Amino acid sequence: MKTLILLALSFGLAFIDPVPAKAGNRSEPDQLRKEIERMARHGNLKLSGTDTQEVTVHFQINARQELVIFETTGENAEACARVKEALNYKPVRFKQARQLTPYEVSIRFVNP
């Protein structure tokens, strides 16, 4: 009897979407990207080299609402290292982010 109940529950749970899609979920990465770009701008990140550099930041948000950067990718290794150094463990104000969910944001730096 117990196995039948457990089987029925597990079968029912297999078809339930744990996080229903919401219209607000699509804007999360955009809002996070804007906040991270703002943090990079206020951190006075001056990158030498070409006119335009793009760095992709792979991160999670911990329980203290801080960015935990585990990888930065881009064409310029120095730019990636400086972005990681400037943003790692910096607090974010964006409260809708899910903790320990991997995020990916691309930041474009344009030198004047």
Protein backbone atom coordinates (compact mmCIF):
# COMPACT_ATOMS: atom_id res chain seq x y z
CA MET A 1 0.00 0.00 0.00
CA LYS A 2 2.81 2.42 0.91
CA THR A 3 4.66 1.67 -2.29
CA LEU A 4 1.50 2.29 -4.31
CA ILE A 5 1.00 5.68 -2.65
CA LEU A 6 4.66 6.62 -3.14
CA LEU A 7 4.51 5.53 -6.77
CA ALA A 8 1.40 7.64 -7.36
CA LEU A 9 2.97 10.67 -5.66
CA SER A 10 6.23 10.38 -7.58
CA PHE A 11 4.34 9.96 -10.84
CA GLY A 12 2.25 13.05 -10.08
CA LEU A 13 5.26 15.13 -9.09
CA ALA A 14 7.10 14.19 -12.27
CA PHE A 15 4.61 16.19 -14.33
CA ILE A 16 4.45 19.29 -12.15
CA ASP A 17 6.67 22.21 -13.20
CA PRO A 18 8.45 23.31 -9.98
CA VAL A 19 9.03 26.90 -11.19
CA PRO A 20 6.27 28.10 -13.45
CA ALA A 21 7.39 30.50 -16.16
CA LYS A 22 6.55 34.09 -15.35
CA ALA A 23 6.86 37.17 -17.50
CA GLY A 24 9.22 38.68 -14.91
CA ASN A 25 11.73 35.83 -15.21
CA ARG A 26 12.83 36.96 -18.67
CA SER A 27 13.92 40.36 -17.37
CA GLU A 28 16.05 39.00 -14.51
CA PRO A 29 19.25 38.70 -16.55
CA ASP A 30 18.72 42.18 -18.01
CA GLN A 31 18.27 43.74 -14.60
CA LEU A 32 21.27 41.86 -13.21
CA ARG A 33 23.35 42.87 -16.22
CA LYS A 34 22.47 46.54 -15.71
CA GLU A 35 23.38 46.37 -12.04
CA ILE A 36 26.67 44.62 -12.75
CA GLU A 37 27.51 47.15 -15.49
CA ARG A 38 26.77 49.95 -13.03
CA MET A 39 29.04 48.30 -10.46
CA ALA A 40 31.83 47.99 -13.03
CA ARG A 41 31.42 51.64 -14.05
CA HIS A 42 31.55 52.86 -10.46
CA GLY A 43 34.53 50.61 -9.81
CA ASN A 44 36.46 52.74 -12.32
CA LEU A 45 37.52 49.77 -14.40
CA LYS A 46 39.81 51.27 -17.00
CA LEU A 47 40.77 48.60 -19.48
CA SER A 48 43.64 49.16 -21.87
CA GLY A 49 43.76 47.73 -25.33
CA THR A 50 41.25 47.72 -28.13
CA ASP A 51 38.33 50.11 -28.44
CA THR A 52 35.72 47.54 -27.44
CA GLN A 53 36.10 44.56 -25.13
CA GLU A 54 33.44 42.10 -24.10
CA VAL A 55 33.73 40.03 -20.94
CA THR A 56 31.25 37.31 -20.03
CA VAL A 57 30.83 36.83 -16.29
CA HIS A 58 29.62 33.48 -14.94
CA PHE A 59 28.42 33.83 -11.35
CA GLN A 60 26.04 32.86 -8.61
CA ILE A 61 24.49 34.90 -5.81
CA ASN A 62 25.12 33.62 -2.31
CA ALA A 63 22.97 33.91 0.83
CA ARG A 64 24.50 37.31 1.65
CA GLN A 65 23.35 38.69 -1.74
CA GLU A 66 26.94 38.83 -3.03
CA LEU A 67 28.24 37.95 -6.48
CA VAL A 68 30.35 34.82 -6.44
CA ILE A 69 32.19 34.82 -9.75
CA PHE A 70 33.51 31.46 -10.82
CA GLU A 71 34.59 32.31 -14.36
CA THR A 72 35.12 35.25 -16.69
CA THR A 73 35.64 34.72 -20.40
CA GLY A 74 36.67 37.05 -23.18
CA GLU A 75 39.36 37.77 -25.73
CA ASN A 76 41.56 39.75 -23.33
CA ALA A 77 42.81 37.75 -20.32
CA GLU A 78 43.81 40.91 -18.45
CA ALA A 79 40.31 42.36 -18.84
CA CYS A 80 38.76 39.11 -17.56
CA ALA A 81 41.04 39.07 -14.52
CA ARG A 82 40.35 42.73 -13.68
CA VAL A 83 36.59 42.28 -13.98
CA LYS A 84 36.68 39.23 -11.71
CA GLU A 85 38.81 41.05 -9.16
CA ALA A 86 36.57 44.12 -9.18
CA LEU A 87 33.23 42.31 -8.90
CA ASN A 88 33.87 39.15 -6.88
CA TYR A 89 31.98 39.13 -3.55
CA LYS A 90 30.41 42.53 -4.17
CA PRO A 91 26.86 42.87 -2.81
CA VAL A 92 23.96 43.25 -5.22
CA ARG A 93 20.68 45.04 -4.57
CA PHE A 94 18.69 42.84 -6.94
CA LYS A 95 16.51 40.79 -4.57
CA GLN A 96 14.66 38.64 -7.12
CA ALA A 97 17.75 36.59 -7.99
CA ARG A 98 17.64 32.99 -6.85
CA GLN A 99 20.51 31.93 -4.63
CA LEU A 100 22.99 29.42 -6.00
CA THR A 101 21.47 29.64 -9.48
CA PRO A 102 24.13 30.03 -12.17
CA TYR A 103 23.87 33.26 -14.13
CA GLU A 104 25.77 34.51 -17.15
CA VAL A 105 26.06 38.19 -18.06
CA SER A 106 28.07 39.82 -20.85
CA ILE A 107 29.55 43.25 -20.25
CA ARG A 108 30.87 45.38 -23.08
CA PHE A 109 33.54 47.98 -22.35
CA VAL A 110 33.97 50.77 -24.88
CA ASN A 111 37.10 52.91 -24.55
CA PRO A 112 36.61 56.54 -25.60
